Amino acid sequence: MGRVDDAFLVVVIGVSLLALVGAVYALATSGASYDQIGSGGIEPVRSETPGEDLAELRELLEARNARRVARGEPPLDVDTELSRRLREM
């Protein structure tokens, strides 16, 4: 059983080192990917039925507003924000 235990230890250490190298490589090659998360705002929504995209955009804005209120920030007027975004499209 001693040889199996020694082999198991070598495999565990080898896999751990390989995972560490893979993690460092992934971190080094990711660039600024994580810096871009959340900076794009809400993308314009396109759907197949005409009123569906407006309903989805309103839903996204209401969810965003709920997060603002949960953080203790004052709520925004969803209708005003919706009309502003529609003018931008």
N, C-alpha and C. Protein backbone atom coordinates (compact mmCIF):
# COMPACT_ATOMS: atom_id res chain seq x y z
N MET A 1 0.81 -1.20 0.00
CA MET A 1 0.00 0.00 0.00
C MET A 1 0.86 1.26 0.00
N GLY A 2 2.10 1.16 0.38
CA GLY A 2 2.96 2.32 0.44
C GLY A 2 3.19 2.95 -0.92
N ARG A 3 3.31 2.12 -1.96
CA ARG A 3 3.53 2.65 -3.31
C ARG A 3 2.29 3.38 -3.82
N VAL A 4 1.13 2.88 -3.49
CA VAL A 4 -0.11 3.53 -3.92
C VAL A 4 -0.26 4.88 -3.22
N ASP A 5 0.06 4.94 -1.94
CA ASP A 5 -0.02 6.19 -1.21
C ASP A 5 0.95 7.23 -1.78
N ASP A 6 2.15 6.78 -2.12
CA ASP A 6 3.15 7.69 -2.70
C ASP A 6 2.68 8.20 -4.07
N ALA A 7 2.12 7.30 -4.87
CA ALA A 7 1.63 7.70 -6.19
C ALA A 7 0.46 8.67 -6.05
N PHE A 8 -0.41 8.43 -5.08
CA PHE A 8 -1.55 9.31 -4.87
C PHE A 8 -1.07 10.71 -4.50
N LEU A 9 -0.08 10.81 -3.64
CA LEU A 9 0.47 12.11 -3.24
C LEU A 9 1.06 12.84 -4.45
N VAL A 10 1.78 12.11 -5.30
CA VAL A 10 2.37 12.72 -6.49
C VAL A 10 1.28 13.23 -7.43
N VAL A 11 0.22 12.46 -7.60
CA VAL A 11 -0.88 12.86 -8.48
C VAL A 11 -1.58 14.09 -7.92
N VAL A 12 -1.85 14.11 -6.63
CA VAL A 12 -2.53 15.26 -6.02
C VAL A 12 -1.69 16.52 -6.15
N ILE A 13 -0.42 16.43 -5.87
CA ILE A 13 0.46 17.60 -5.99
C ILE A 13 0.59 18.03 -7.45
N GLY A 14 0.71 17.06 -8.36
CA GLY A 14 0.83 17.38 -9.78
C GLY A 14 -0.41 18.08 -10.32
N VAL A 15 -1.59 17.58 -9.97
CA VAL A 15 -2.84 18.19 -10.43
C VAL A 15 -3.01 19.59 -9.82
N SER A 16 -2.63 19.74 -8.57
CA SER A 16 -2.73 21.05 -7.92
C SER A 16 -1.82 22.07 -8.59
N LEU A 17 -0.60 21.66 -8.90
CA LEU A 17 0.33 22.58 -9.58
C LEU A 17 -0.16 22.92 -10.98
N LEU A 18 -0.70 21.94 -11.68
CA LEU A 18 -1.24 22.18 -13.02
C LEU A 18 -2.42 23.16 -12.95
N ALA A 19 -3.28 23.00 -11.97
CA ALA A 19 -4.41 23.91 -11.80
C ALA A 19 -3.93 25.32 -11.46
N LEU A 20 -2.90 25.43 -10.66
CA LEU A 20 -2.34 26.73 -10.31
C LEU A 20 -1.77 27.42 -11.56
N VAL A 21 -1.04 26.68 -12.37
CA VAL A 21 -0.48 27.25 -13.60
C VAL A 21 -1.62 27.69 -14.53
N GLY A 22 -2.65 26.87 -14.65
CA GLY A 22 -3.80 27.22 -15.49
C GLY A 22 -4.50 28.47 -15.00
N ALA A 23 -4.65 28.61 -13.69
CA ALA A 23 -5.30 29.80 -13.12
C ALA A 23 -4.48 31.06 -13.37
N VAL A 24 -3.18 30.96 -13.20
CA VAL A 24 -2.30 32.11 -13.44
C VAL A 24 -2.34 32.49 -14.92
N TYR A 25 -2.34 31.51 -15.80
CA TYR A 25 -2.42 31.78 -17.24
C TYR A 25 -3.74 32.46 -17.59
N ALA A 26 -4.84 31.95 -17.05
CA ALA A 26 -6.15 32.55 -17.32
C ALA A 26 -6.22 33.98 -16.82
N LEU A 27 -5.65 34.23 -15.66
CA LEU A 27 -5.64 35.58 -15.11
C LEU A 27 -4.78 36.51 -15.96
N ALA A 28 -3.65 36.02 -16.41
CA ALA A 28 -2.73 36.85 -17.20
C ALA A 28 -3.30 37.17 -18.58
N THR A 29 -4.06 36.27 -19.16
CA THR A 29 -4.57 36.49 -20.51
C THR A 29 -5.96 37.09 -20.55
N SER A 30 -6.58 37.32 -19.40
CA SER A 30 -7.94 37.85 -19.39
C SER A 30 -7.97 39.33 -19.76
N GLY A 31 -6.86 40.02 -19.61
CA GLY A 31 -6.81 41.44 -19.98
C GLY A 31 -7.76 42.25 -19.12
N ALA A 32 -8.49 43.12 -19.77
CA ALA A 32 -9.40 44.01 -19.07
C ALA A 32 -10.84 43.51 -19.15
N SER A 33 -11.03 42.21 -19.28
CA SER A 33 -12.38 41.66 -19.41
C SER A 33 -13.25 42.01 -18.22
N TYR A 34 -12.71 41.87 -17.03
CA TYR A 34 -13.52 42.13 -15.84
C TYR A 34 -13.76 43.62 -15.63
N ASP A 35 -12.90 44.46 -16.16
CA ASP A 35 -13.12 45.90 -16.05
C ASP A 35 -14.30 46.36 -16.89
N GLN A 36 -14.65 45.60 -17.92
CA GLN A 36 -15.73 45.98 -18.81
C GLN A 36 -17.09 45.54 -18.31
N ILE A 37 -17.15 44.67 -17.33
CA ILE A 37 -18.42 44.17 -16.84
C ILE A 37 -19.19 45.31 -16.17
N GLY A 38 -20.41 45.51 -16.61
CA GLY A 38 -21.28 46.52 -16.03
C GLY A 38 -21.08 47.92 -16.54
N SER A 39 -20.12 48.15 -17.40
CA SER A 39 -19.86 49.51 -17.86
C SER A 39 -20.63 49.85 -19.12
N GLY A 40 -21.26 48.88 -19.76
CA GLY A 40 -21.94 49.11 -21.02
C GLY A 40 -23.35 49.63 -20.90
N GLY A 41 -23.91 49.63 -19.71
CA GLY A 41 -25.29 50.06 -19.56
C GLY A 41 -26.25 49.01 -20.09
N ILE A 42 -27.43 49.43 -20.39
CA ILE A 42 -28.44 48.53 -20.89
C ILE A 42 -28.41 48.56 -22.41
N GLU A 43 -28.24 47.41 -23.01
CA GLU A 43 -28.22 47.31 -24.46
C GLU A 43 -29.63 47.48 -25.00
N PRO A 44 -29.78 48.04 -26.17
CA PRO A 44 -31.11 48.12 -26.76
C PRO A 44 -31.69 46.72 -26.97
N VAL A 45 -32.94 46.59 -26.65
CA VAL A 45 -33.59 45.30 -26.74
C VAL A 45 -34.33 45.21 -28.06
N ARG A 46 -34.12 44.13 -28.78
CA ARG A 46 -34.81 43.91 -30.04
C ARG A 46 -35.59 42.60 -29.94
N SER A 47 -36.85 42.64 -30.25
CA SER A 47 -37.65 41.43 -30.18
C SER A 47 -38.47 41.27 -31.45
N GLU A 48 -39.18 40.18 -31.55
CA GLU A 48 -39.93 39.89 -32.75
C GLU A 48 -41.28 40.59 -32.77
N THR A 49 -41.89 40.80 -31.62
CA THR A 49 -43.17 41.50 -31.58
C THR A 49 -42.93 42.94 -31.17
N PRO A 50 -43.66 43.89 -31.76
CA PRO A 50 -43.36 45.31 -31.55
C PRO A 50 -43.41 45.79 -30.10
N GLY A 51 -44.36 45.38 -29.30
CA GLY A 51 -44.48 45.90 -27.94
C GLY A 51 -43.63 45.16 -26.92
N GLU A 52 -43.09 44.02 -27.31
CA GLU A 52 -42.35 43.20 -26.36
C GLU A 52 -41.04 43.84 -25.94
N ASP A 53 -40.34 44.48 -26.87
CA ASP A 53 -39.07 45.10 -26.51
C ASP A 53 -39.26 46.25 -25.54
N LEU A 54 -40.34 47.00 -25.69
CA LEU A 54 -40.63 48.09 -24.77
C LEU A 54 -40.93 47.55 -23.37
N ALA A 55 -41.69 46.46 -23.29
CA ALA A 55 -42.00 45.85 -21.99
C ALA A 55 -40.74 45.31 -21.32
N GLU A 56 -39.85 44.72 -22.11
CA GLU A 56 -38.61 44.19 -21.53
C GLU A 56 -37.71 45.31 -21.05
N LEU A 57 -37.64 46.39 -21.81
CA LEU A 57 -36.83 47.53 -21.39
C LEU A 57 -37.38 48.13 -20.11
N ARG A 58 -38.70 48.25 -20.01
CA ARG A 58 -39.32 48.78 -18.79
C ARG A 58 -39.00 47.86 -17.61
N GLU A 59 -39.05 46.55 -17.84
CA GLU A 59 -38.74 45.59 -16.78
C GLU A 59 -37.30 45.74 -16.31
N LEU A 60 -36.36 45.90 -17.24
CA LEU A 60 -34.96 46.09 -16.87
C LEU A 60 -34.77 47.38 -16.06
N LEU A 61 -35.43 48.44 -16.48
CA LEU A 61 -35.30 49.71 -15.76
C LEU A 61 -35.92 49.64 -14.37
N GLU A 62 -37.04 48.92 -14.24
CA GLU A 62 -37.65 48.76 -12.92
C GLU A 62 -36.75 47.95 -11.99
N ALA A 63 -36.10 46.92 -12.53
CA ALA A 63 -35.17 46.12 -11.72
C ALA A 63 -33.97 46.96 -11.30
N ARG A 64 -33.48 47.76 -12.22
CA ARG A 64 -32.35 48.65 -11.90
C ARG A 64 -32.75 49.65 -10.82
N ASN A 65 -33.96 50.16 -10.92
CA ASN A 65 -34.46 51.11 -9.94
C ASN A 65 -34.62 50.44 -8.57
N ALA A 66 -35.07 49.20 -8.56
CA ALA A 66 -35.21 48.47 -7.29
C ALA A 66 -33.85 48.28 -6.63
N ARG A 67 -32.81 48.01 -7.43
CA ARG A 67 -31.46 47.89 -6.86
C ARG A 67 -30.99 49.21 -6.28
N ARG A 68 -31.33 50.32 -6.95
CA ARG A 68 -30.97 51.65 -6.43
C ARG A 68 -31.61 51.88 -5.06
N VAL A 69 -32.89 51.56 -4.97
CA VAL A 69 -33.61 51.76 -3.71
C VAL A 69 -33.04 50.86 -2.62
N ALA A 70 -32.67 49.63 -2.98
CA ALA A 70 -32.10 48.70 -2.01
C ALA A 70 -30.75 49.20 -1.48
N ARG A 71 -30.00 49.95 -2.32
CA ARG A 71 -28.72 50.53 -1.88
C ARG A 71 -28.91 51.80 -1.09
N GLY A 72 -30.15 52.28 -0.99
CA GLY A 72 -30.42 53.49 -0.24
C GLY A 72 -30.37 54.75 -1.08
N GLU A 73 -30.27 54.61 -2.38
CA GLU A 73 -30.25 55.77 -3.28
C GLU A 73 -31.69 56.15 -3.61
N PRO A 74 -31.89 57.40 -3.99
CA PRO A 74 -33.26 57.81 -4.33
C PRO A 74 -33.72 57.14 -5.63
N PRO A 75 -35.00 56.79 -5.71
CA PRO A 75 -35.49 56.12 -6.92
C PRO A 75 -35.57 57.10 -8.09
N LEU A 76 -35.40 56.57 -9.29
CA LEU A 76 -35.55 57.35 -10.51
C LEU A 76 -36.93 57.12 -11.08
N ASP A 77 -37.41 58.06 -11.88
CA ASP A 77 -38.68 57.91 -12.55
C ASP A 77 -38.47 56.99 -13.75
N VAL A 78 -39.08 55.83 -13.71
CA VAL A 78 -38.89 54.82 -14.75
C VAL A 78 -39.41 55.32 -16.09
N ASP A 79 -40.55 56.02 -16.08
CA ASP A 79 -41.13 56.50 -17.34
C ASP A 79 -40.23 57.54 -18.01
N THR A 80 -39.64 58.43 -17.22
CA THR A 80 -38.74 59.43 -17.77
C THR A 80 -37.49 58.77 -18.35
N GLU A 81 -36.93 57.82 -17.61
CA GLU A 81 -35.75 57.10 -18.09
C GLU A 81 -36.07 56.29 -19.34
N LEU A 82 -37.25 55.70 -19.38
CA LEU A 82 -37.66 54.92 -20.55
C LEU A 82 -37.78 55.81 -21.78
N SER A 83 -38.41 56.97 -21.63
CA SER A 83 -38.56 57.86 -22.78
C SER A 83 -37.21 58.41 -23.23
N ARG A 84 -36.28 58.66 -22.29
CA ARG A 84 -34.95 59.12 -22.66
C ARG A 84 -34.22 58.07 -23.46
N ARG A 85 -34.30 56.81 -23.03
CA ARG A 85 -33.61 55.74 -23.75
C ARG A 85 -34.23 55.47 -25.11
N LEU A 86 -35.53 55.66 -25.22
CA LEU A 86 -36.17 55.46 -26.51
C LEU A 86 -35.76 56.54 -27.50
N ARG A 87 -35.52 57.75 -27.01
CA ARG A 87 -35.06 58.82 -27.89
C ARG A 87 -33.64 58.52 -28.38
N GLU A 88 -32.82 57.86 -27.56
CA GLU A 88 -31.45 57.52 -27.93
C GLU A 88 -31.40 56.44 -28.99
N MET A 89 -32.40 55.59 -29.07
CA MET A 89 -32.39 54.46 -30.00
C MET A 89 -32.56 54.95 -31.38
